[in-house]
N, C-alpha and C. Protein backbone atom coordinates (compact mmCIF):
# COMPACT_ATOMS: atom_id res chain seq x y z
N MET A 1 145.14 34.45 -74.97
CA MET A 1 145.22 35.35 -73.83
C MET A 1 144.77 36.73 -74.25
N LYS A 2 144.01 37.33 -73.37
CA LYS A 2 143.36 38.59 -73.72
C LYS A 2 144.38 39.68 -74.01
N GLY A 3 144.23 40.31 -75.18
CA GLY A 3 145.06 41.47 -75.49
C GLY A 3 146.38 41.15 -76.18
N LEU A 4 146.77 39.87 -76.26
CA LEU A 4 148.04 39.52 -76.88
C LEU A 4 147.81 39.05 -78.32
N THR A 5 148.77 39.38 -79.20
CA THR A 5 148.74 38.80 -80.55
C THR A 5 149.18 37.34 -80.43
N ALA A 6 148.99 36.58 -81.49
CA ALA A 6 149.38 35.16 -81.48
C ALA A 6 150.88 35.03 -81.21
N ARG A 7 151.70 35.88 -81.84
CA ARG A 7 153.16 35.81 -81.66
C ARG A 7 153.54 36.17 -80.22
N GLN A 8 152.90 37.21 -79.68
CA GLN A 8 153.19 37.61 -78.30
C GLN A 8 152.82 36.49 -77.32
N GLU A 9 151.72 35.81 -77.59
CA GLU A 9 151.31 34.69 -76.74
C GLU A 9 152.34 33.57 -76.80
N GLU A 10 152.87 33.30 -78.01
CA GLU A 10 153.91 32.27 -78.17
C GLU A 10 155.17 32.64 -77.38
N ILE A 11 155.52 33.91 -77.42
CA ILE A 11 156.72 34.35 -76.68
C ILE A 11 156.49 34.25 -75.18
N LEU A 12 155.30 34.64 -74.73
CA LEU A 12 154.98 34.53 -73.31
C LEU A 12 155.03 33.07 -72.85
N ASN A 13 154.52 32.17 -73.70
CA ASN A 13 154.56 30.74 -73.36
C ASN A 13 156.00 30.22 -73.32
N LEU A 14 156.84 30.74 -74.21
CA LEU A 14 158.26 30.36 -74.19
C LEU A 14 158.91 30.80 -72.87
N ILE A 15 158.59 32.01 -72.43
CA ILE A 15 159.13 32.51 -71.15
C ILE A 15 158.69 31.60 -70.01
N LYS A 16 157.41 31.24 -70.00
CA LYS A 16 156.88 30.34 -68.94
C LYS A 16 157.59 28.99 -68.97
N ASP A 17 157.78 28.45 -70.19
CA ASP A 17 158.45 27.14 -70.33
C ASP A 17 159.88 27.20 -69.80
N TYR A 18 160.59 28.28 -70.15
CA TYR A 18 161.97 28.45 -69.65
C TYR A 18 161.98 28.49 -68.13
N LEU A 19 161.08 29.28 -67.56
CA LEU A 19 161.05 29.42 -66.10
C LEU A 19 160.74 28.09 -65.43
N LYS A 20 159.83 27.32 -66.03
CA LYS A 20 159.42 26.04 -65.46
C LYS A 20 160.53 25.00 -65.58
N GLU A 21 161.16 24.94 -66.77
CA GLU A 21 162.14 23.88 -67.03
C GLU A 21 163.54 24.22 -66.56
N LYS A 22 163.95 25.50 -66.70
CA LYS A 22 165.33 25.87 -66.41
C LYS A 22 165.47 26.71 -65.14
N GLY A 23 164.35 27.34 -64.73
CA GLY A 23 164.42 28.17 -63.52
C GLY A 23 164.80 29.61 -63.79
N PHE A 24 165.00 29.98 -65.08
CA PHE A 24 165.31 31.37 -65.42
C PHE A 24 164.70 31.68 -66.78
N PRO A 25 164.47 32.98 -67.07
CA PRO A 25 163.84 33.35 -68.35
C PRO A 25 164.84 33.32 -69.50
N PRO A 26 164.35 33.31 -70.75
CA PRO A 26 165.26 33.32 -71.90
C PRO A 26 165.87 34.70 -72.12
N THR A 27 167.00 34.73 -72.83
CA THR A 27 167.58 36.00 -73.27
C THR A 27 166.87 36.43 -74.56
N ARG A 28 167.16 37.66 -75.00
CA ARG A 28 166.61 38.11 -76.30
C ARG A 28 167.13 37.21 -77.42
N ALA A 29 168.40 36.77 -77.31
CA ALA A 29 168.98 35.89 -78.33
C ALA A 29 168.26 34.54 -78.36
N ASP A 30 167.92 34.01 -77.15
CA ASP A 30 167.17 32.75 -77.08
C ASP A 30 165.82 32.88 -77.80
N ILE A 31 165.15 34.00 -77.56
CA ILE A 31 163.82 34.23 -78.17
C ILE A 31 163.97 34.37 -79.68
N SER A 32 164.99 35.13 -80.11
CA SER A 32 165.23 35.32 -81.56
C SER A 32 165.48 33.99 -82.25
N LYS A 33 166.29 33.15 -81.60
CA LYS A 33 166.63 31.84 -82.18
C LYS A 33 165.38 30.96 -82.27
N ALA A 34 164.56 30.97 -81.21
CA ALA A 34 163.36 30.12 -81.17
C ALA A 34 162.36 30.50 -82.26
N PHE A 35 162.28 31.81 -82.59
CA PHE A 35 161.27 32.26 -83.55
C PHE A 35 161.84 32.71 -84.89
N GLY A 36 163.16 32.54 -85.06
CA GLY A 36 163.78 32.87 -86.35
C GLY A 36 163.86 34.36 -86.63
N PHE A 37 163.92 35.20 -85.56
CA PHE A 37 164.09 36.64 -85.79
C PHE A 37 165.53 36.90 -86.24
N LYS A 38 165.70 37.91 -87.11
CA LYS A 38 167.04 38.20 -87.62
C LYS A 38 167.93 38.88 -86.58
N SER A 39 167.31 39.60 -85.63
CA SER A 39 168.12 40.25 -84.59
C SER A 39 167.37 40.25 -83.25
N PRO A 40 168.14 40.33 -82.14
CA PRO A 40 167.52 40.39 -80.82
C PRO A 40 166.60 41.60 -80.64
N ASN A 41 166.79 42.61 -81.52
CA ASN A 41 165.97 43.81 -81.43
C ASN A 41 164.49 43.50 -81.67
N ALA A 42 164.22 42.54 -82.57
CA ALA A 42 162.83 42.14 -82.84
C ALA A 42 162.21 41.51 -81.58
N ALA A 43 163.01 40.68 -80.89
CA ALA A 43 162.54 40.08 -79.64
C ALA A 43 162.26 41.16 -78.61
N GLU A 44 163.14 42.15 -78.53
CA GLU A 44 162.98 43.25 -77.58
C GLU A 44 161.67 44.01 -77.83
N GLN A 45 161.34 44.25 -79.10
CA GLN A 45 160.12 44.98 -79.42
C GLN A 45 158.88 44.19 -78.97
N HIS A 46 158.91 42.87 -79.20
CA HIS A 46 157.79 42.03 -78.73
C HIS A 46 157.69 42.04 -77.21
N LEU A 47 158.84 41.95 -76.53
CA LEU A 47 158.85 41.95 -75.06
C LEU A 47 158.28 43.26 -74.51
N ARG A 48 158.66 44.37 -75.14
CA ARG A 48 158.15 45.69 -74.69
C ARG A 48 156.63 45.77 -74.86
N ALA A 49 156.13 45.19 -75.97
CA ALA A 49 154.68 45.19 -76.21
C ALA A 49 153.96 44.32 -75.17
N ILE A 50 154.57 43.17 -74.83
CA ILE A 50 153.96 42.28 -73.82
C ILE A 50 153.99 42.96 -72.45
N GLU A 51 155.09 43.69 -72.18
CA GLU A 51 155.20 44.42 -70.91
C GLU A 51 154.12 45.51 -70.82
N LYS A 52 153.92 46.20 -71.94
CA LYS A 52 152.94 47.30 -71.99
C LYS A 52 151.53 46.77 -71.67
N LYS A 53 151.27 45.51 -72.06
CA LYS A 53 149.96 44.90 -71.81
C LYS A 53 149.85 44.29 -70.40
N GLY A 54 150.95 44.40 -69.63
CA GLY A 54 150.88 44.03 -68.21
C GLY A 54 151.22 42.59 -67.86
N PHE A 55 151.66 41.79 -68.85
CA PHE A 55 151.92 40.37 -68.57
C PHE A 55 153.30 40.12 -67.95
N ILE A 56 154.26 40.99 -68.28
CA ILE A 56 155.62 40.83 -67.75
C ILE A 56 156.15 42.19 -67.30
N SER A 57 157.25 42.15 -66.52
CA SER A 57 158.04 43.35 -66.22
C SER A 57 159.46 43.09 -66.69
N ILE A 58 160.09 44.10 -67.27
CA ILE A 58 161.45 43.96 -67.77
C ILE A 58 162.39 44.77 -66.88
N LEU A 59 163.41 44.09 -66.34
CA LEU A 59 164.42 44.77 -65.52
C LEU A 59 165.52 45.27 -66.44
N SER A 60 165.85 46.55 -66.34
CA SER A 60 166.87 47.10 -67.23
C SER A 60 168.25 46.62 -66.80
N GLY A 61 169.11 46.43 -67.81
CA GLY A 61 170.50 46.07 -67.53
C GLY A 61 170.75 44.59 -67.26
N ALA A 62 169.73 43.74 -67.38
CA ALA A 62 169.93 42.30 -67.15
C ALA A 62 169.46 41.54 -68.39
N SER A 63 170.33 40.66 -68.90
CA SER A 63 169.98 39.94 -70.14
C SER A 63 168.79 39.00 -69.93
N ARG A 64 168.63 38.52 -68.71
CA ARG A 64 167.49 37.64 -68.42
C ARG A 64 166.48 38.31 -67.48
N GLY A 65 166.45 39.63 -67.51
CA GLY A 65 165.60 40.36 -66.56
C GLY A 65 164.14 40.43 -66.96
N ILE A 66 163.48 39.28 -67.05
CA ILE A 66 162.06 39.23 -67.39
C ILE A 66 161.31 38.59 -66.23
N ILE A 67 160.31 39.27 -65.72
CA ILE A 67 159.53 38.75 -64.58
C ILE A 67 158.08 38.60 -65.01
N LEU A 68 157.50 37.44 -64.74
CA LEU A 68 156.07 37.22 -65.02
C LEU A 68 155.23 37.97 -64.00
N ASN A 69 154.25 38.72 -64.47
CA ASN A 69 153.37 39.45 -63.55
C ASN A 69 152.18 38.62 -63.11
N GLN A 70 151.80 37.67 -63.94
CA GLN A 70 150.59 36.93 -63.63
C GLN A 70 150.93 35.69 -62.82
N LYS A 71 150.14 35.45 -61.80
CA LYS A 71 150.25 34.20 -61.05
C LYS A 71 149.57 33.13 -61.88
N GLU A 72 150.17 31.95 -61.86
CA GLU A 72 149.56 30.86 -62.61
C GLU A 72 148.23 30.49 -61.96
N VAL A 73 147.18 30.45 -62.76
CA VAL A 73 145.87 30.12 -62.20
C VAL A 73 145.64 28.62 -62.28
N GLY A 74 144.70 28.16 -61.51
CA GLY A 74 144.37 26.75 -61.56
C GLY A 74 144.54 26.09 -60.20
N ILE A 75 144.24 24.80 -60.17
CA ILE A 75 144.29 24.03 -58.93
C ILE A 75 145.63 23.31 -58.86
N PRO A 76 146.34 23.38 -57.71
CA PRO A 76 147.65 22.74 -57.63
C PRO A 76 147.56 21.22 -57.83
N VAL A 77 148.52 20.70 -58.59
CA VAL A 77 148.67 19.25 -58.74
C VAL A 77 149.86 18.83 -57.87
N ILE A 78 149.58 17.97 -56.90
CA ILE A 78 150.61 17.55 -55.95
C ILE A 78 151.20 16.23 -56.43
N GLY A 79 152.52 16.20 -56.56
CA GLY A 79 153.19 14.96 -56.95
C GLY A 79 153.50 14.14 -55.71
N LEU A 80 154.71 13.67 -55.62
CA LEU A 80 155.13 12.87 -54.47
C LEU A 80 155.31 13.79 -53.27
N VAL A 81 154.66 13.46 -52.14
CA VAL A 81 154.79 14.28 -50.94
C VAL A 81 155.95 13.75 -50.11
N ALA A 82 156.94 14.59 -49.89
CA ALA A 82 158.09 14.18 -49.07
C ALA A 82 157.64 13.99 -47.62
N ALA A 83 158.24 13.02 -46.96
CA ALA A 83 157.84 12.69 -45.58
C ALA A 83 157.91 13.93 -44.69
N GLY A 84 156.84 14.14 -43.93
CA GLY A 84 156.81 15.23 -42.96
C GLY A 84 156.49 16.60 -43.51
N GLN A 85 156.39 16.74 -44.83
CA GLN A 85 156.11 18.06 -45.42
C GLN A 85 154.62 18.34 -45.47
N PRO A 86 154.23 19.61 -45.31
CA PRO A 86 152.82 19.95 -45.56
C PRO A 86 152.47 19.58 -47.00
N ILE A 87 151.27 19.05 -47.18
CA ILE A 87 150.91 18.51 -48.50
C ILE A 87 150.96 19.57 -49.60
N LEU A 88 150.61 20.82 -49.25
CA LEU A 88 150.60 21.88 -50.25
C LEU A 88 151.89 22.72 -50.24
N ALA A 89 152.96 22.16 -49.66
CA ALA A 89 154.25 22.86 -49.72
C ALA A 89 154.62 23.09 -51.18
N GLU A 90 155.24 24.25 -51.44
CA GLU A 90 155.51 24.64 -52.83
C GLU A 90 156.30 23.58 -53.59
N GLU A 91 157.24 22.92 -52.89
CA GLU A 91 158.07 21.93 -53.59
C GLU A 91 157.30 20.67 -54.00
N ASN A 92 156.10 20.47 -53.43
CA ASN A 92 155.28 19.32 -53.82
C ASN A 92 154.39 19.61 -55.03
N VAL A 93 154.22 20.90 -55.34
CA VAL A 93 153.32 21.30 -56.44
C VAL A 93 154.06 21.16 -57.77
N GLU A 94 153.61 20.22 -58.60
CA GLU A 94 154.32 19.99 -59.87
C GLU A 94 153.74 20.82 -61.01
N SER A 95 152.48 21.25 -60.89
CA SER A 95 151.87 22.10 -61.91
C SER A 95 150.54 22.60 -61.37
N LYS A 96 149.82 23.34 -62.21
CA LYS A 96 148.46 23.75 -61.87
C LYS A 96 147.55 23.38 -63.01
N LEU A 97 146.31 23.05 -62.68
CA LEU A 97 145.39 22.55 -63.69
C LEU A 97 144.10 23.35 -63.62
N GLU A 98 143.68 23.89 -64.76
CA GLU A 98 142.41 24.60 -64.82
C GLU A 98 141.31 23.63 -65.20
N ILE A 99 140.23 23.63 -64.43
CA ILE A 99 139.10 22.76 -64.75
C ILE A 99 137.82 23.60 -64.73
N PRO A 100 136.77 23.15 -65.42
CA PRO A 100 135.49 23.87 -65.35
C PRO A 100 134.98 23.87 -63.91
N PRO A 101 134.39 24.97 -63.44
CA PRO A 101 133.96 25.08 -62.05
C PRO A 101 132.99 23.98 -61.61
N LEU A 102 132.17 23.47 -62.52
CA LEU A 102 131.16 22.47 -62.13
C LEU A 102 131.56 21.05 -62.54
N MET A 103 132.86 20.82 -62.73
CA MET A 103 133.30 19.49 -63.15
C MET A 103 133.01 18.43 -62.09
N PHE A 104 133.17 18.80 -60.82
CA PHE A 104 132.87 17.88 -59.73
C PHE A 104 131.74 18.48 -58.89
N LYS A 105 131.00 17.61 -58.18
CA LYS A 105 129.88 18.11 -57.36
C LYS A 105 130.37 19.04 -56.25
N GLN A 106 131.56 18.75 -55.74
CA GLN A 106 132.13 19.60 -54.70
C GLN A 106 133.41 20.24 -55.22
N LYS A 107 133.75 21.38 -54.65
CA LYS A 107 134.93 22.13 -55.09
C LYS A 107 136.20 21.35 -54.73
N ALA A 108 137.13 21.28 -55.67
CA ALA A 108 138.42 20.65 -55.41
C ALA A 108 139.44 21.72 -55.02
N ASP A 109 140.21 21.46 -53.95
CA ASP A 109 141.24 22.40 -53.52
C ASP A 109 142.61 22.04 -54.08
N PHE A 110 142.82 20.76 -54.35
CA PHE A 110 144.05 20.33 -54.99
C PHE A 110 143.85 18.96 -55.63
N PHE A 111 144.76 18.64 -56.55
CA PHE A 111 144.81 17.30 -57.14
C PHE A 111 146.01 16.57 -56.56
N LEU A 112 145.85 15.28 -56.31
CA LEU A 112 146.96 14.46 -55.83
C LEU A 112 147.22 13.36 -56.84
N ARG A 113 148.48 13.25 -57.27
CA ARG A 113 148.84 12.20 -58.22
C ARG A 113 148.98 10.89 -57.45
N VAL A 114 148.22 9.87 -57.88
CA VAL A 114 148.14 8.61 -57.14
C VAL A 114 149.36 7.74 -57.41
N LYS A 115 149.91 7.19 -56.32
CA LYS A 115 151.00 6.23 -56.42
C LYS A 115 150.48 4.87 -55.98
N GLY A 116 150.73 3.84 -56.75
CA GLY A 116 150.33 2.49 -56.37
C GLY A 116 148.92 2.13 -56.81
N GLU A 117 148.55 0.89 -56.55
CA GLU A 117 147.28 0.33 -57.04
C GLU A 117 146.34 -0.09 -55.90
N SER A 118 146.52 0.48 -54.71
CA SER A 118 145.72 0.03 -53.56
C SER A 118 144.25 0.40 -53.67
N MET A 119 143.88 1.30 -54.60
CA MET A 119 142.48 1.73 -54.72
C MET A 119 141.91 1.38 -56.10
N LYS A 120 142.52 0.42 -56.79
CA LYS A 120 142.13 0.16 -58.18
C LYS A 120 140.71 -0.37 -58.33
N ASP A 121 140.17 -1.04 -57.30
CA ASP A 121 138.82 -1.61 -57.42
C ASP A 121 137.72 -0.54 -57.40
N VAL A 122 138.06 0.68 -57.05
CA VAL A 122 137.09 1.78 -57.18
C VAL A 122 137.49 2.71 -58.33
N GLY A 123 138.37 2.18 -59.20
CA GLY A 123 138.71 2.93 -60.42
C GLY A 123 139.78 3.98 -60.24
N ILE A 124 140.55 3.91 -59.13
CA ILE A 124 141.64 4.87 -58.93
C ILE A 124 142.95 4.11 -59.13
N ASN A 125 143.66 4.47 -60.20
CA ASN A 125 144.88 3.74 -60.57
C ASN A 125 146.11 4.62 -60.45
N GLU A 126 147.25 3.95 -60.54
CA GLU A 126 148.54 4.66 -60.51
C GLU A 126 148.54 5.78 -61.56
N GLU A 127 149.04 6.95 -61.14
CA GLU A 127 149.18 8.14 -62.00
C GLU A 127 147.86 8.89 -62.26
N ASP A 128 146.71 8.35 -61.82
CA ASP A 128 145.47 9.13 -61.90
C ASP A 128 145.61 10.36 -61.00
N LEU A 129 144.82 11.37 -61.29
CA LEU A 129 144.75 12.54 -60.40
C LEU A 129 143.44 12.48 -59.64
N ILE A 130 143.52 12.46 -58.31
CA ILE A 130 142.27 12.55 -57.54
C ILE A 130 142.06 14.00 -57.13
N ALA A 131 140.83 14.45 -57.28
CA ALA A 131 140.46 15.80 -56.87
C ALA A 131 140.11 15.74 -55.39
N VAL A 132 140.72 16.62 -54.60
CA VAL A 132 140.58 16.56 -53.14
C VAL A 132 140.03 17.88 -52.60
N ARG A 133 138.99 17.75 -51.77
CA ARG A 133 138.49 18.91 -51.02
C ARG A 133 139.13 18.89 -49.65
N LYS A 134 139.78 19.98 -49.28
CA LYS A 134 140.43 20.03 -47.97
C LYS A 134 139.38 19.90 -46.87
N SER A 135 139.62 19.00 -45.94
CA SER A 135 138.70 18.81 -44.83
C SER A 135 139.43 18.05 -43.74
N LYS A 136 139.15 18.40 -42.49
CA LYS A 136 139.74 17.66 -41.37
C LYS A 136 138.78 16.58 -40.88
N GLU A 137 137.55 16.61 -41.39
CA GLU A 137 136.54 15.65 -40.94
C GLU A 137 136.04 14.83 -42.12
N CYS A 138 135.59 13.60 -41.81
CA CYS A 138 135.06 12.75 -42.87
C CYS A 138 134.05 11.78 -42.26
N ARG A 139 133.36 11.05 -43.12
CA ARG A 139 132.38 10.07 -42.66
C ARG A 139 132.84 8.68 -43.06
N ASN A 140 132.26 7.69 -42.40
CA ASN A 140 132.53 6.30 -42.75
C ASN A 140 132.29 6.09 -44.24
N GLY A 141 133.24 5.48 -44.92
CA GLY A 141 133.06 5.18 -46.35
C GLY A 141 133.64 6.23 -47.28
N ASP A 142 134.03 7.40 -46.74
CA ASP A 142 134.66 8.42 -47.59
C ASP A 142 136.05 7.95 -48.03
N ILE A 143 136.40 8.26 -49.26
CA ILE A 143 137.78 8.05 -49.69
C ILE A 143 138.56 9.29 -49.28
N VAL A 144 139.60 9.07 -48.46
CA VAL A 144 140.30 10.21 -47.85
C VAL A 144 141.78 10.20 -48.22
N VAL A 145 142.36 11.40 -48.12
CA VAL A 145 143.81 11.54 -48.11
C VAL A 145 144.16 11.71 -46.64
N ALA A 146 144.87 10.72 -46.09
CA ALA A 146 145.16 10.73 -44.65
C ALA A 146 146.67 10.77 -44.44
N ARG A 147 147.06 11.33 -43.31
CA ARG A 147 148.47 11.35 -42.93
C ARG A 147 148.63 10.52 -41.66
N ILE A 148 149.49 9.51 -41.74
CA ILE A 148 149.84 8.73 -40.56
C ILE A 148 151.31 9.00 -40.29
N ASN A 149 151.57 9.62 -39.12
CA ASN A 149 152.92 10.09 -38.83
C ASN A 149 153.39 10.98 -39.99
N ASP A 150 154.41 10.57 -40.74
CA ASP A 150 154.91 11.43 -41.82
C ASP A 150 154.45 10.99 -43.20
N GLU A 151 153.69 9.90 -43.28
CA GLU A 151 153.32 9.34 -44.58
C GLU A 151 151.90 9.73 -44.99
N VAL A 152 151.72 10.04 -46.28
CA VAL A 152 150.41 10.39 -46.81
C VAL A 152 149.89 9.20 -47.61
N THR A 153 148.61 8.84 -47.41
CA THR A 153 148.03 7.70 -48.12
C THR A 153 146.60 8.00 -48.54
N VAL A 154 146.12 7.31 -49.58
CA VAL A 154 144.73 7.43 -50.05
C VAL A 154 144.04 6.10 -49.75
N LYS A 155 142.98 6.14 -48.94
CA LYS A 155 142.27 4.92 -48.56
C LYS A 155 140.82 5.27 -48.24
N THR A 156 139.99 4.22 -48.05
CA THR A 156 138.61 4.41 -47.58
C THR A 156 138.62 4.44 -46.06
N PHE A 157 137.95 5.45 -45.51
CA PHE A 157 137.94 5.65 -44.06
C PHE A 157 136.84 4.82 -43.41
N LYS A 158 137.20 4.08 -42.36
CA LYS A 158 136.21 3.30 -41.58
C LYS A 158 136.49 3.49 -40.11
N THR A 159 135.43 3.47 -39.31
CA THR A 159 135.62 3.38 -37.86
C THR A 159 134.70 2.27 -37.36
N ASN A 160 135.13 1.62 -36.27
CA ASN A 160 134.24 0.64 -35.65
C ASN A 160 133.64 1.24 -34.39
N GLY A 161 132.81 0.50 -33.72
CA GLY A 161 132.11 1.03 -32.53
C GLY A 161 133.04 1.41 -31.40
N GLU A 162 134.27 0.88 -31.43
CA GLU A 162 135.21 1.18 -30.33
C GLU A 162 136.10 2.39 -30.63
N GLY A 163 135.79 3.11 -31.69
CA GLY A 163 136.57 4.31 -32.01
C GLY A 163 137.88 4.02 -32.73
N GLU A 164 138.05 2.78 -33.17
CA GLU A 164 139.27 2.43 -33.91
C GLU A 164 139.15 2.91 -35.35
N VAL A 165 140.23 3.47 -35.88
CA VAL A 165 140.24 3.95 -37.26
C VAL A 165 140.91 2.90 -38.15
N ILE A 166 140.22 2.55 -39.22
CA ILE A 166 140.76 1.59 -40.19
C ILE A 166 140.79 2.26 -41.55
N LEU A 167 141.94 2.24 -42.18
CA LEU A 167 142.07 2.75 -43.55
C LEU A 167 142.07 1.55 -44.48
N GLN A 168 141.02 1.48 -45.26
CA GLN A 168 140.73 0.28 -46.06
C GLN A 168 141.16 0.48 -47.51
N PRO A 169 142.06 -0.38 -48.02
CA PRO A 169 142.36 -0.32 -49.45
C PRO A 169 141.21 -0.89 -50.25
N GLN A 170 141.15 -0.57 -51.52
CA GLN A 170 140.14 -1.16 -52.41
C GLN A 170 140.86 -2.03 -53.43
N ASN A 171 141.54 -3.04 -52.89
CA ASN A 171 142.30 -3.99 -53.70
C ASN A 171 142.63 -5.15 -52.75
N LYS A 172 142.15 -6.34 -53.07
CA LYS A 172 142.26 -7.48 -52.14
C LYS A 172 143.72 -7.88 -51.88
N ASN A 173 144.64 -7.41 -52.69
CA ASN A 173 146.06 -7.73 -52.49
C ASN A 173 146.74 -6.84 -51.45
N PHE A 174 145.99 -5.88 -50.91
CA PHE A 174 146.56 -4.96 -49.92
C PHE A 174 145.86 -5.15 -48.58
N ASN A 175 146.59 -4.94 -47.50
CA ASN A 175 146.03 -5.07 -46.16
C ASN A 175 145.49 -3.74 -45.67
N SER A 176 144.47 -3.83 -44.80
CA SER A 176 143.96 -2.63 -44.14
C SER A 176 145.02 -2.08 -43.19
N ILE A 177 144.93 -0.79 -42.94
CA ILE A 177 145.83 -0.15 -41.97
C ILE A 177 145.00 0.20 -40.74
N LYS A 178 145.34 -0.40 -39.59
CA LYS A 178 144.68 -0.03 -38.34
C LYS A 178 145.52 1.05 -37.68
N VAL A 179 144.87 2.18 -37.41
CA VAL A 179 145.61 3.32 -36.85
C VAL A 179 145.47 3.30 -35.34
N ASN A 180 146.60 3.31 -34.66
CA ASN A 180 146.62 3.38 -33.20
C ASN A 180 146.66 4.86 -32.82
N LEU A 181 145.48 5.41 -32.50
CA LEU A 181 145.37 6.85 -32.27
C LEU A 181 146.15 7.32 -31.04
N SER A 182 146.42 6.39 -30.10
CA SER A 182 147.16 6.79 -28.90
C SER A 182 148.67 6.83 -29.16
N LYS A 183 149.12 6.13 -30.20
CA LYS A 183 150.57 6.07 -30.46
C LYS A 183 150.99 6.74 -31.76
N GLU A 184 150.06 6.94 -32.68
CA GLU A 184 150.43 7.49 -33.99
C GLU A 184 149.77 8.84 -34.24
N ASP A 185 150.52 9.71 -34.92
CA ASP A 185 149.93 10.98 -35.36
C ASP A 185 149.06 10.68 -36.56
N PHE A 186 147.80 11.08 -36.49
CA PHE A 186 146.88 10.79 -37.58
C PHE A 186 145.98 11.98 -37.81
N PHE A 187 145.87 12.41 -39.06
CA PHE A 187 144.83 13.38 -39.39
C PHE A 187 144.45 13.30 -40.86
N ILE A 188 143.27 13.81 -41.12
CA ILE A 188 142.71 13.81 -42.48
C ILE A 188 143.16 15.08 -43.19
N GLU A 189 143.71 14.91 -44.40
CA GLU A 189 144.12 16.06 -45.22
C GLU A 189 142.97 16.52 -46.11
N GLY A 190 142.10 15.58 -46.51
CA GLY A 190 140.99 15.95 -47.39
C GLY A 190 140.22 14.73 -47.85
N ILE A 191 139.14 15.01 -48.57
CA ILE A 191 138.24 13.97 -49.06
C ILE A 191 138.24 13.98 -50.58
N CYS A 192 138.31 12.80 -51.17
CA CYS A 192 138.30 12.67 -52.64
C CYS A 192 136.90 13.03 -53.17
N VAL A 193 136.87 13.97 -54.12
CA VAL A 193 135.58 14.38 -54.70
C VAL A 193 135.49 14.05 -56.19
N GLY A 194 136.54 13.44 -56.73
CA GLY A 194 136.52 13.08 -58.15
C GLY A 194 137.87 12.54 -58.58
N VAL A 195 137.92 12.07 -59.80
CA VAL A 195 139.18 11.52 -60.32
C VAL A 195 139.31 11.86 -61.80
N ILE A 196 140.52 12.17 -62.22
CA ILE A 196 140.84 12.37 -63.63
C ILE A 196 141.72 11.21 -64.04
N LYS A 197 141.25 10.43 -65.00
CA LYS A 197 141.95 9.22 -65.41
C LYS A 197 143.14 9.54 -66.30
N ARG A 198 144.14 8.69 -66.21
CA ARG A 198 145.28 8.80 -67.12
C ARG A 198 145.37 7.49 -67.90
N PHE A 199 145.29 7.59 -69.20
CA PHE A 199 145.33 6.38 -70.04
C PHE A 199 146.70 6.24 -70.67
């Protein structure tokens, strides 16, 4: 990280880990213990230096008064989407992932962690991350993230001449989903533009 010493970067990463795992920042004693400092004063000096460089703010009078100034950069990784929730609701975002800008032909707005094996014949398996471009429109044959009523699913989009929407799995053990547009809430959340495999 620009402007930080190796030790300061380690301390900043410790603060991030605490916030992510526990929901609150470490105390000076926690930092001293993690890095083998003889006194909390050494941790305080590092924190003041990190604050001076603009990465954190320190609230006086609070043992855990450390606030991160930087927003986490990267593309949101969406885990399990709770029924009825907006897909990018904060509680669905499990992390953020930085990727090279030209990794996919089209820009990805979010990653969705795949559940199940309904798309395995096109190489999309359980726990893979699909890169999704937000879009309300799609074409026949696009792999889409679709919402039917409150449920989110990943399937191949098809329409027939009568305007019927069919969400086609890519696994012969799964059935197609025929969407009744007059009775069911249906919309497209986005189009798959790539996949990151998990081995």
